[in-house]
């Protein structure tokens, strides 16, 4: 009987002194391994993103000079407005221009300026104006366009249309 009690006391001491601390240590190591795996997965994702960005940059780096050529410098807004007004005159449409506020983002070389252009004239002439603006050597991003066409009472007159176009333009900021 004494040997059975001694055996269970020895077994209890073994469980309390060795097995329970070992299980706690294994849990801590498992948690550390899990955290390290998460950290490595994040690093892998960042590395993949970096590789993708590098590949995209290599694809467009030859076109960077082209992008600099199609973006006008700040202060040339009047030349841009004059150019789109001239295109409207040649296309035979009336144009009304509203200029938004210039948006600058820190750490970027470009500013953004929004225009709202209202064109009135024959539908075909408005399409011609849009085509010629898109062919300009400067970048104009058409964000939104609404067109309303109306028939006149006289069937011989051409269909009149009014187009309201919101465009964004990008301007190279002067280097500081």
N, C-alpha and C. Protein backbone atom coordinates (compact mmCIF):
# COMPACT_ATOMS: atom_id res chain seq x y z
N UNK A 1 0.81 -1.17 0.00
CA UNK A 1 0.00 0.00 0.00
C UNK A 1 0.87 1.25 0.00
N UNK A 2 1.93 1.20 0.80
CA UNK A 2 2.83 2.34 0.86
C UNK A 2 3.46 2.55 -0.52
N UNK A 3 3.79 1.47 -1.18
CA UNK A 3 4.42 1.62 -2.49
C UNK A 3 3.43 2.21 -3.51
N UNK A 4 2.15 1.89 -3.41
CA UNK A 4 1.15 2.45 -4.30
C UNK A 4 0.99 3.94 -4.02
N UNK A 5 0.94 4.32 -2.76
CA UNK A 5 0.82 5.73 -2.40
C UNK A 5 2.07 6.48 -2.86
N UNK A 6 3.22 5.87 -2.65
CA UNK A 6 4.47 6.52 -3.08
C UNK A 6 4.50 6.67 -4.59
N UNK A 7 3.99 5.65 -5.29
CA UNK A 7 3.96 5.72 -6.75
C UNK A 7 3.06 6.86 -7.21
N UNK A 8 1.86 7.01 -6.62
CA UNK A 8 0.95 8.10 -7.01
C UNK A 8 1.50 9.46 -6.62
N UNK A 9 2.20 9.54 -5.48
CA UNK A 9 2.83 10.81 -5.10
C UNK A 9 3.93 11.18 -6.09
N UNK A 10 4.70 10.18 -6.48
CA UNK A 10 5.76 10.41 -7.46
C UNK A 10 5.16 10.80 -8.80
N UNK A 11 4.08 10.13 -9.18
CA UNK A 11 3.39 10.45 -10.43
C UNK A 11 2.80 11.86 -10.38
N UNK A 12 2.20 12.24 -9.26
CA UNK A 12 1.65 13.59 -9.10
C UNK A 12 2.75 14.63 -9.15
N UNK A 13 3.87 14.35 -8.51
CA UNK A 13 5.00 15.29 -8.55
C UNK A 13 5.52 15.42 -9.96
N UNK A 14 5.59 14.33 -10.70
CA UNK A 14 6.04 14.34 -12.09
C UNK A 14 5.11 15.19 -12.94
N UNK A 15 3.79 15.03 -12.77
CA UNK A 15 2.81 15.80 -13.53
C UNK A 15 2.91 17.27 -13.18
N UNK A 16 2.98 17.60 -11.88
CA UNK A 16 3.00 18.99 -11.45
C UNK A 16 4.32 19.67 -11.80
N UNK A 17 5.42 18.99 -11.63
CA UNK A 17 6.73 19.62 -11.81
C UNK A 17 7.25 19.56 -13.25
N UNK A 18 6.83 18.58 -14.04
CA UNK A 18 7.41 18.45 -15.39
C UNK A 18 6.36 18.59 -16.49
N UNK A 19 5.29 17.85 -16.43
CA UNK A 19 4.34 17.80 -17.55
C UNK A 19 3.56 19.11 -17.69
N UNK A 20 3.01 19.67 -16.63
CA UNK A 20 2.23 20.92 -16.72
C UNK A 20 3.11 22.07 -17.19
N UNK A 21 4.34 22.30 -16.66
CA UNK A 21 5.18 23.36 -17.21
C UNK A 21 5.56 23.12 -18.68
N UNK A 22 5.74 21.84 -19.05
CA UNK A 22 6.07 21.54 -20.45
C UNK A 22 4.90 21.90 -21.37
N UNK A 23 3.68 21.61 -20.96
CA UNK A 23 2.49 21.94 -21.77
C UNK A 23 2.36 23.46 -21.91
N UNK A 24 2.59 24.18 -20.81
CA UNK A 24 2.54 25.65 -20.87
C UNK A 24 3.60 26.18 -21.83
N UNK A 25 4.80 25.61 -21.77
CA UNK A 25 5.89 26.05 -22.65
C UNK A 25 5.55 25.74 -24.11
N UNK A 26 4.95 24.59 -24.36
CA UNK A 26 4.55 24.23 -25.72
C UNK A 26 3.51 25.21 -26.25
N UNK A 27 2.54 25.62 -25.43
CA UNK A 27 1.53 26.59 -25.84
C UNK A 27 2.18 27.94 -26.20
N UNK A 28 3.13 28.37 -25.38
CA UNK A 28 3.83 29.63 -25.66
C UNK A 28 4.58 29.55 -26.98
N UNK A 29 5.27 28.43 -27.20
CA UNK A 29 6.02 28.25 -28.45
C UNK A 29 5.07 28.20 -29.65
N UNK A 30 3.92 27.53 -29.51
CA UNK A 30 2.93 27.49 -30.59
C UNK A 30 2.43 28.89 -30.93
N UNK A 31 2.17 29.72 -29.92
CA UNK A 31 1.71 31.09 -30.14
C UNK A 31 2.78 31.90 -30.86
N UNK A 32 4.04 31.73 -30.46
CA UNK A 32 5.14 32.45 -31.11
C UNK A 32 5.29 32.01 -32.57
N UNK A 33 5.15 30.72 -32.82
CA UNK A 33 5.24 30.22 -34.20
C UNK A 33 4.10 30.80 -35.04
N UNK A 34 2.90 30.85 -34.48
CA UNK A 34 1.75 31.41 -35.20
C UNK A 34 1.97 32.89 -35.52
N UNK A 35 2.44 33.66 -34.56
CA UNK A 35 2.71 35.08 -34.78
C UNK A 35 3.80 35.27 -35.83
N UNK A 36 4.82 34.45 -35.80
CA UNK A 36 5.90 34.56 -36.79
C UNK A 36 5.38 34.21 -38.18
N UNK A 37 4.50 33.20 -38.27
CA UNK A 37 3.92 32.86 -39.56
C UNK A 37 3.10 34.02 -40.12
N UNK A 38 2.31 34.68 -39.27
CA UNK A 38 1.54 35.84 -39.72
C UNK A 38 2.45 36.96 -40.20
N UNK A 39 3.53 37.20 -39.46
CA UNK A 39 4.48 38.25 -39.84
C UNK A 39 5.12 37.93 -41.19
N UNK A 40 5.50 36.68 -41.39
CA UNK A 40 6.11 36.28 -42.66
C UNK A 40 5.12 36.35 -43.82
N UNK A 41 3.84 36.02 -43.57
CA UNK A 41 2.83 36.15 -44.62
C UNK A 41 2.65 37.60 -45.03
N UNK A 42 2.67 38.51 -44.06
CA UNK A 42 2.56 39.94 -44.37
C UNK A 42 3.77 40.41 -45.18
N UNK A 43 4.96 39.96 -44.77
CA UNK A 43 6.17 40.33 -45.52
C UNK A 43 6.12 39.78 -46.94
N UNK A 44 5.61 38.57 -47.10
CA UNK A 44 5.50 37.98 -48.42
C UNK A 44 4.54 38.79 -49.29
N UNK A 45 3.40 39.18 -48.72
CA UNK A 45 2.43 39.99 -49.47
C UNK A 45 3.04 41.33 -49.87
N UNK A 46 3.80 41.95 -48.95
CA UNK A 46 4.45 43.22 -49.29
C UNK A 46 5.48 43.02 -50.39
N UNK A 47 6.21 41.93 -50.32
CA UNK A 47 7.20 41.63 -51.36
C UNK A 47 6.55 41.42 -52.71
N UNK A 48 5.42 40.73 -52.73
CA UNK A 48 4.71 40.51 -53.99
C UNK A 48 4.19 41.83 -54.55
N UNK A 49 3.67 42.69 -53.67
CA UNK A 49 3.20 44.00 -54.10
C UNK A 49 4.35 44.83 -54.65
N UNK A 50 5.48 44.78 -53.98
CA UNK A 50 6.65 45.53 -54.44
C UNK A 50 7.07 45.03 -55.82
N UNK A 51 7.07 43.72 -56.03
CA UNK A 51 7.43 43.17 -57.33
C UNK A 51 6.45 43.62 -58.41
N UNK A 52 5.17 43.64 -58.07
CA UNK A 52 4.15 44.07 -59.04
C UNK A 52 4.33 45.54 -59.39
N UNK A 53 4.56 46.38 -58.38
CA UNK A 53 4.78 47.81 -58.63
C UNK A 53 6.03 48.02 -59.48
N UNK A 54 7.09 47.29 -59.18
CA UNK A 54 8.33 47.40 -59.96
C UNK A 54 8.09 46.99 -61.41
N UNK A 55 7.35 45.92 -61.62
CA UNK A 55 7.05 45.46 -62.98
C UNK A 55 6.22 46.51 -63.72
N UNK A 56 5.19 47.06 -63.05
CA UNK A 56 4.37 48.11 -63.68
C UNK A 56 5.20 49.33 -64.02
N UNK A 57 6.10 49.71 -63.12
CA UNK A 57 6.97 50.86 -63.39
C UNK A 57 7.85 50.59 -64.60
N UNK A 58 8.43 49.40 -64.67
CA UNK A 58 9.29 49.07 -65.81
C UNK A 58 8.51 49.10 -67.12
N UNK A 59 7.23 48.74 -67.05
CA UNK A 59 6.40 48.77 -68.26
C UNK A 59 6.14 50.19 -68.75
N UNK A 60 6.05 51.16 -67.82
CA UNK A 60 5.68 52.51 -68.24
C UNK A 60 6.82 53.52 -68.17
N UNK A 61 8.01 53.10 -67.71
CA UNK A 61 9.06 54.10 -67.51
C UNK A 61 9.48 54.77 -68.80
N UNK A 62 9.34 54.08 -69.94
CA UNK A 62 9.67 54.72 -71.21
C UNK A 62 8.64 55.77 -71.61
N UNK A 63 7.43 55.68 -71.05
CA UNK A 63 6.37 56.62 -71.38
C UNK A 63 6.31 57.83 -70.45
N UNK A 64 7.20 57.88 -69.47
CA UNK A 64 7.15 58.98 -68.49
C UNK A 64 7.37 60.33 -69.19
N UNK A 65 8.29 60.38 -70.12
CA UNK A 65 8.52 61.64 -70.85
C UNK A 65 7.26 62.04 -71.61
N UNK A 66 6.55 61.06 -72.17
CA UNK A 66 5.30 61.34 -72.87
C UNK A 66 4.28 61.95 -71.92
N UNK A 67 4.19 61.39 -70.70
CA UNK A 67 3.24 61.92 -69.73
C UNK A 67 3.59 63.35 -69.35
N UNK A 68 4.87 63.65 -69.22
CA UNK A 68 5.27 65.02 -68.92
C UNK A 68 4.91 65.98 -70.05
N UNK A 69 4.90 65.48 -71.29
CA UNK A 69 4.57 66.33 -72.43
C UNK A 69 3.08 66.63 -72.53
N UNK A 70 2.23 65.71 -72.07
CA UNK A 70 0.79 65.93 -72.24
C UNK A 70 0.17 66.64 -71.05
N UNK A 71 0.95 66.91 -70.02
CA UNK A 71 0.43 67.62 -68.85
C UNK A 71 1.03 69.02 -68.85
N UNK A 72 0.15 70.01 -68.84
CA UNK A 72 0.60 71.40 -68.89
C UNK A 72 1.07 71.84 -67.51
N UNK A 73 1.82 72.91 -67.49
CA UNK A 73 2.31 73.47 -66.23
C UNK A 73 1.26 74.39 -65.63
N UNK A 74 1.25 74.46 -64.29
CA UNK A 74 0.35 75.41 -63.64
C UNK A 74 0.67 76.80 -64.16
N UNK A 75 -0.37 77.58 -64.35
CA UNK A 75 -0.20 78.91 -64.91
C UNK A 75 -0.55 78.94 -66.39
N UNK A 76 -0.75 77.78 -67.02
CA UNK A 76 -1.11 77.72 -68.43
C UNK A 76 -2.60 77.42 -68.61
N UNK A 77 -3.37 77.68 -67.57
CA UNK A 77 -4.79 77.39 -67.63
C UNK A 77 -5.49 78.21 -68.71
N UNK A 78 -5.07 79.47 -68.88
CA UNK A 78 -5.68 80.32 -69.89
C UNK A 78 -5.46 79.75 -71.30
N UNK A 79 -4.27 79.21 -71.56
CA UNK A 79 -4.01 78.60 -72.86
C UNK A 79 -4.92 77.40 -73.10
N UNK A 80 -5.15 76.62 -72.05
CA UNK A 80 -6.03 75.46 -72.16
C UNK A 80 -7.46 75.91 -72.46
N UNK A 81 -7.94 76.88 -71.70
CA UNK A 81 -9.31 77.38 -71.90
C UNK A 81 -9.46 77.96 -73.30
N UNK A 82 -8.48 78.73 -73.73
CA UNK A 82 -8.52 79.30 -75.08
C UNK A 82 -8.56 78.21 -76.14
N UNK A 83 -7.79 77.13 -75.93
CA UNK A 83 -7.76 76.04 -76.90
C UNK A 83 -9.13 75.35 -77.00
N UNK A 84 -9.77 75.07 -75.86
CA UNK A 84 -11.08 74.40 -75.96
C UNK A 84 -12.16 75.34 -76.48
N UNK A 85 -12.01 76.65 -76.22
CA UNK A 85 -12.96 77.61 -76.81
C UNK A 85 -12.78 77.68 -78.32
N UNK A 86 -11.52 77.66 -78.79
CA UNK A 86 -11.26 77.67 -80.24
C UNK A 86 -11.84 76.43 -80.91
N UNK A 87 -11.70 75.31 -80.27
CA UNK A 87 -12.27 74.07 -80.82
C UNK A 87 -13.79 74.20 -80.89
N UNK A 88 -14.41 74.79 -79.87
CA UNK A 88 -15.87 74.99 -79.87
C UNK A 88 -16.28 75.92 -81.01
N UNK A 89 -15.52 76.99 -81.23
CA UNK A 89 -15.84 77.91 -82.33
C UNK A 89 -15.74 77.20 -83.68
N UNK A 90 -14.67 76.41 -83.86
CA UNK A 90 -14.51 75.68 -85.14
C UNK A 90 -15.58 74.63 -85.32
N UNK A 91 -16.04 74.02 -84.22
CA UNK A 91 -17.07 72.98 -84.32
C UNK A 91 -18.47 73.57 -84.43
N UNK A 92 -18.61 74.87 -84.17
CA UNK A 92 -19.92 75.51 -84.27
C UNK A 92 -20.82 75.27 -83.08
N UNK A 93 -20.25 75.20 -81.89
CA UNK A 93 -21.05 75.03 -80.68
C UNK A 93 -20.75 76.18 -79.73
N UNK A 94 -21.75 76.51 -78.93
CA UNK A 94 -21.55 77.51 -77.88
C UNK A 94 -21.04 76.79 -76.65
N UNK A 95 -20.11 77.42 -75.94
CA UNK A 95 -19.53 76.78 -74.76
C UNK A 95 -19.56 77.74 -73.58
N UNK A 96 -19.88 77.21 -72.42
CA UNK A 96 -19.83 77.95 -71.17
C UNK A 96 -18.92 77.15 -70.25
N UNK A 97 -17.95 77.81 -69.63
CA UNK A 97 -16.93 77.12 -68.83
C UNK A 97 -17.01 77.59 -67.38
N UNK A 98 -17.09 76.62 -66.47
CA UNK A 98 -17.00 76.90 -65.04
C UNK A 98 -15.77 76.18 -64.52
N UNK A 99 -14.97 76.90 -63.76
CA UNK A 99 -13.72 76.35 -63.25
C UNK A 99 -13.88 76.03 -61.76
N UNK A 100 -13.47 74.84 -61.38
CA UNK A 100 -13.51 74.44 -59.98
C UNK A 100 -12.26 74.91 -59.26
N UNK A 101 -12.09 74.43 -58.03
CA UNK A 101 -10.91 74.79 -57.25
C UNK A 101 -9.78 73.83 -57.56
N UNK A 102 -8.58 74.35 -57.52
CA UNK A 102 -7.41 73.52 -57.76
C UNK A 102 -7.16 72.64 -56.54
N UNK A 103 -6.86 71.36 -56.79
CA UNK A 103 -6.61 70.41 -55.71
C UNK A 103 -5.15 70.01 -55.76
N UNK A 104 -4.48 70.21 -54.64
CA UNK A 104 -3.08 69.82 -54.53
C UNK A 104 -2.94 68.74 -53.47
N UNK A 105 -2.17 67.73 -53.78
CA UNK A 105 -1.89 66.67 -52.83
C UNK A 105 -0.41 66.75 -52.47
N UNK A 106 -0.10 66.82 -51.17
CA UNK A 106 1.30 66.87 -50.79
C UNK A 106 2.06 65.66 -51.33
N UNK A 107 3.31 65.85 -51.60
CA UNK A 107 4.21 64.81 -52.09
C UNK A 107 3.91 64.38 -53.52
N UNK A 108 3.12 65.14 -54.29
CA UNK A 108 2.88 64.83 -55.69
C UNK A 108 3.34 65.99 -56.54
N UNK A 109 3.71 65.66 -57.77
CA UNK A 109 4.18 66.67 -58.70
C UNK A 109 3.04 67.34 -59.45
N UNK A 110 1.81 66.85 -59.26
CA UNK A 110 0.70 67.32 -60.06
C UNK A 110 -0.41 67.89 -59.19
N UNK A 111 -1.10 68.86 -59.77
CA UNK A 111 -2.33 69.35 -59.15
C UNK A 111 -3.47 68.99 -60.09
N UNK A 112 -4.67 69.08 -59.57
CA UNK A 112 -5.85 68.69 -60.34
C UNK A 112 -6.82 69.88 -60.37
N UNK A 113 -7.37 70.13 -61.54
CA UNK A 113 -8.32 71.22 -61.72
C UNK A 113 -9.51 70.69 -62.49
N UNK A 114 -10.70 70.91 -61.92
CA UNK A 114 -11.92 70.42 -62.56
C UNK A 114 -12.62 71.56 -63.29
N UNK A 115 -13.13 71.24 -64.46
CA UNK A 115 -13.91 72.17 -65.25
C UNK A 115 -15.28 71.56 -65.48
N UNK A 116 -16.30 72.42 -65.53
CA UNK A 116 -17.63 72.00 -65.97
C UNK A 116 -17.90 72.78 -67.25
N UNK A 117 -18.07 72.04 -68.33
CA UNK A 117 -18.25 72.63 -69.65
C UNK A 117 -19.69 72.37 -70.10
N UNK A 118 -20.36 73.42 -70.51
CA UNK A 118 -21.72 73.28 -71.03
C UNK A 118 -21.69 73.68 -72.50
N UNK A 119 -22.02 72.72 -73.34
CA UNK A 119 -21.99 72.91 -74.79
C UNK A 119 -23.42 72.92 -75.32
N UNK A 120 -23.69 73.84 -76.24
CA UNK A 120 -25.01 73.91 -76.87
C UNK A 120 -24.80 74.02 -78.36
N UNK A 121 -25.51 73.18 -79.09
CA UNK A 121 -25.39 73.20 -80.54
C UNK A 121 -25.97 71.94 -81.14
N UNK A 122 -25.66 71.72 -82.41
CA UNK A 122 -26.12 70.51 -83.08
C UNK A 122 -25.41 69.30 -82.46
N UNK A 123 -26.12 68.23 -82.38
CA UNK A 123 -25.59 67.00 -81.80
C UNK A 123 -24.29 66.58 -82.48
N UNK A 124 -24.25 66.62 -83.78
CA UNK A 124 -23.06 66.21 -84.52
C UNK A 124 -21.87 67.12 -84.20
N UNK A 125 -22.14 68.42 -84.03
CA UNK A 125 -21.07 69.37 -83.72
C UNK A 125 -20.51 69.13 -82.32
N UNK A 126 -21.38 68.76 -81.39
CA UNK A 126 -20.91 68.44 -80.03
C UNK A 126 -20.01 67.22 -80.07
N UNK A 127 -20.41 66.21 -80.85
CA UNK A 127 -19.55 65.03 -80.99
C UNK A 127 -18.22 65.38 -81.63
N UNK A 128 -18.24 66.28 -82.61
CA UNK A 128 -17.00 66.73 -83.24
C UNK A 128 -16.11 67.44 -82.21
N UNK A 129 -16.71 68.29 -81.37
CA UNK A 129 -15.95 68.99 -80.33
C UNK A 129 -15.30 67.99 -79.38
N UNK A 130 -16.06 66.97 -78.93
CA UNK A 130 -15.51 65.96 -78.02
C UNK A 130 -14.34 65.24 -78.67
N UNK A 131 -14.51 64.88 -79.93
CA UNK A 131 -13.44 64.19 -80.65
C UNK A 131 -12.18 65.05 -80.74
N UNK A 132 -12.35 66.34 -81.02
CA UNK A 132 -11.19 67.22 -81.15
C UNK A 132 -10.53 67.50 -79.81
N UNK A 133 -11.30 67.58 -78.72
CA UNK A 133 -10.71 67.77 -77.39
C UNK A 133 -9.91 66.54 -77.01
N UNK A 134 -10.43 65.35 -77.33
CA UNK A 134 -9.69 64.13 -77.03
C UNK A 134 -8.42 64.02 -77.85
N UNK A 135 -8.37 64.69 -79.00
CA UNK A 135 -7.18 64.65 -79.85
C UNK A 135 -6.16 65.72 -79.47
N UNK A 136 -6.50 66.58 -78.52
CA UNK A 136 -5.56 67.63 -78.11
C UNK A 136 -4.28 66.99 -77.55
N UNK A 137 -3.16 67.70 -77.66
CA UNK A 137 -1.90 67.13 -77.15
C UNK A 137 -1.76 67.23 -75.63
N UNK A 138 -2.81 67.61 -74.93
CA UNK A 138 -2.79 67.65 -73.46
C UNK A 138 -3.87 66.72 -72.94
N UNK A 139 -3.67 66.23 -71.72
CA UNK A 139 -4.57 65.24 -71.14
C UNK A 139 -5.80 65.91 -70.54
N UNK A 140 -6.97 65.46 -70.96
CA UNK A 140 -8.24 65.90 -70.41
C UNK A 140 -9.03 64.64 -70.07
N UNK A 141 -9.38 64.48 -68.80
CA UNK A 141 -10.10 63.30 -68.34
C UNK A 141 -11.58 63.65 -68.20
N UNK A 142 -12.40 63.08 -69.08
CA UNK A 142 -13.85 63.31 -69.01
C UNK A 142 -14.40 62.40 -67.91
N UNK A 143 -14.90 63.03 -66.83
CA UNK A 143 -15.40 62.27 -65.69
C UNK A 143 -16.88 61.94 -65.83
N UNK A 144 -17.64 62.91 -66.30
CA UNK A 144 -19.09 62.74 -66.34
C UNK A 144 -19.65 63.56 -67.49
N UNK A 145 -20.66 63.01 -68.15
CA UNK A 145 -21.25 63.73 -69.28
C UNK A 145 -22.75 63.45 -69.28
N UNK A 146 -23.53 64.53 -69.38
CA UNK A 146 -24.97 64.38 -69.55
C UNK A 146 -25.36 65.16 -70.80
N UNK A 147 -26.22 64.55 -71.59
CA UNK A 147 -26.61 65.16 -72.86
C UNK A 147 -28.13 65.16 -72.94
N UNK A 148 -28.66 66.31 -73.33
CA UNK A 148 -30.10 66.43 -73.54
C UNK A 148 -30.31 66.93 -74.96
N UNK A 149 -31.07 66.18 -75.74
CA UNK A 149 -31.36 66.59 -77.12
C UNK A 149 -32.84 66.94 -77.20
N UNK A 150 -33.14 67.93 -78.03
CA UNK A 150 -34.53 68.32 -78.18
C UNK A 150 -34.83 68.56 -79.66
N UNK A 151 -36.02 68.21 -80.03
CA UNK A 151 -36.50 68.42 -81.40
C UNK A 151 -37.07 69.83 -81.48
N UNK A 152 -36.89 70.46 -82.60
CA UNK A 152 -37.52 71.78 -82.78
C UNK A 152 -38.87 71.58 -83.46
N UNK A 153 -39.68 72.61 -83.40
CA UNK A 153 -41.01 72.54 -84.01
C UNK A 153 -40.90 72.40 -85.52
N UNK A 154 -39.87 72.99 -86.09
CA UNK A 154 -39.65 72.92 -87.53
C UNK A 154 -38.84 71.66 -87.83
N UNK A 155 -39.39 70.74 -88.57
CA UNK A 155 -38.74 69.46 -88.86
C UNK A 155 -37.48 69.65 -89.71
N UNK A 156 -37.36 70.78 -90.40
CA UNK A 156 -36.19 71.02 -91.25
C UNK A 156 -34.97 71.43 -90.44
N UNK A 157 -35.17 71.95 -89.24
CA UNK A 157 -34.04 72.36 -88.40
C UNK A 157 -33.37 71.13 -87.80
N UNK A 158 -32.07 71.25 -87.60
CA UNK A 158 -31.32 70.14 -87.01
C UNK A 158 -31.65 70.00 -85.53
N UNK A 159 -31.48 68.83 -85.04
CA UNK A 159 -31.73 68.54 -83.62
C UNK A 159 -30.69 69.30 -82.79
N UNK A 160 -31.16 70.01 -81.78
CA UNK A 160 -30.29 70.76 -80.88
C UNK A 160 -30.02 69.92 -79.64
N UNK A 161 -28.83 70.08 -79.10
CA UNK A 161 -28.46 69.32 -77.91
C UNK A 161 -27.70 70.22 -76.95
N UNK A 162 -27.78 69.86 -75.70
CA UNK A 162 -27.00 70.52 -74.66
C UNK A 162 -26.24 69.42 -73.91
N UNK A 163 -24.94 69.59 -73.83
CA UNK A 163 -24.11 68.61 -73.13
C UNK A 163 -23.43 69.31 -71.96
N UNK A 164 -23.51 68.70 -70.81
CA UNK A 164 -22.79 69.19 -69.64
C UNK A 164 -21.72 68.15 -69.34
N UNK A 165 -20.48 68.59 -69.37
CA UNK A 165 -19.34 67.67 -69.25
C UNK A 165 -18.46 68.13 -68.11
N UNK A 166 -18.19 67.22 -67.18
CA UNK A 166 -17.22 67.49 -66.11
C UNK A 166 -15.91 66.84 -66.49
N UNK A 167 -14.87 67.64 -66.52
CA UNK A 167 -13.55 67.10 -66.87
C UNK A 167 -12.55 67.44 -65.78
N UNK A 168 -11.57 66.58 -65.64
CA UNK A 168 -10.43 66.84 -64.77
C UNK A 168 -9.22 67.07 -65.64
N UNK A 169 -8.44 68.03 -65.26
CA UNK A 169 -7.17 68.25 -65.94
C UNK A 169 -6.08 68.19 -64.88
N UNK A 170 -4.91 67.82 -65.30
CA UNK A 170 -3.79 67.68 -64.37
C UNK A 170 -2.69 68.63 -64.81
N UNK A 171 -2.08 69.28 -63.82
CA UNK A 171 -1.13 70.36 -64.07
C UNK A 171 0.15 70.08 -63.30
N UNK A 172 1.26 70.23 -63.99
CA UNK A 172 2.56 70.03 -63.37
C UNK A 172 2.86 71.22 -62.47
N UNK A 173 3.07 70.93 -61.18
CA UNK A 173 3.34 72.02 -60.24
C UNK A 173 4.79 72.47 -60.38
N UNK A 174 5.03 73.75 -60.18
CA UNK A 174 6.42 74.22 -60.27
C UNK A 174 7.27 73.57 -59.17
N UNK A 175 8.48 73.21 -59.52
CA UNK A 175 9.35 72.57 -58.52
C UNK A 175 9.86 73.63 -57.55
N UNK A 176 9.87 73.24 -56.29
CA UNK A 176 10.25 74.18 -55.23
C UNK A 176 11.73 74.27 -55.09
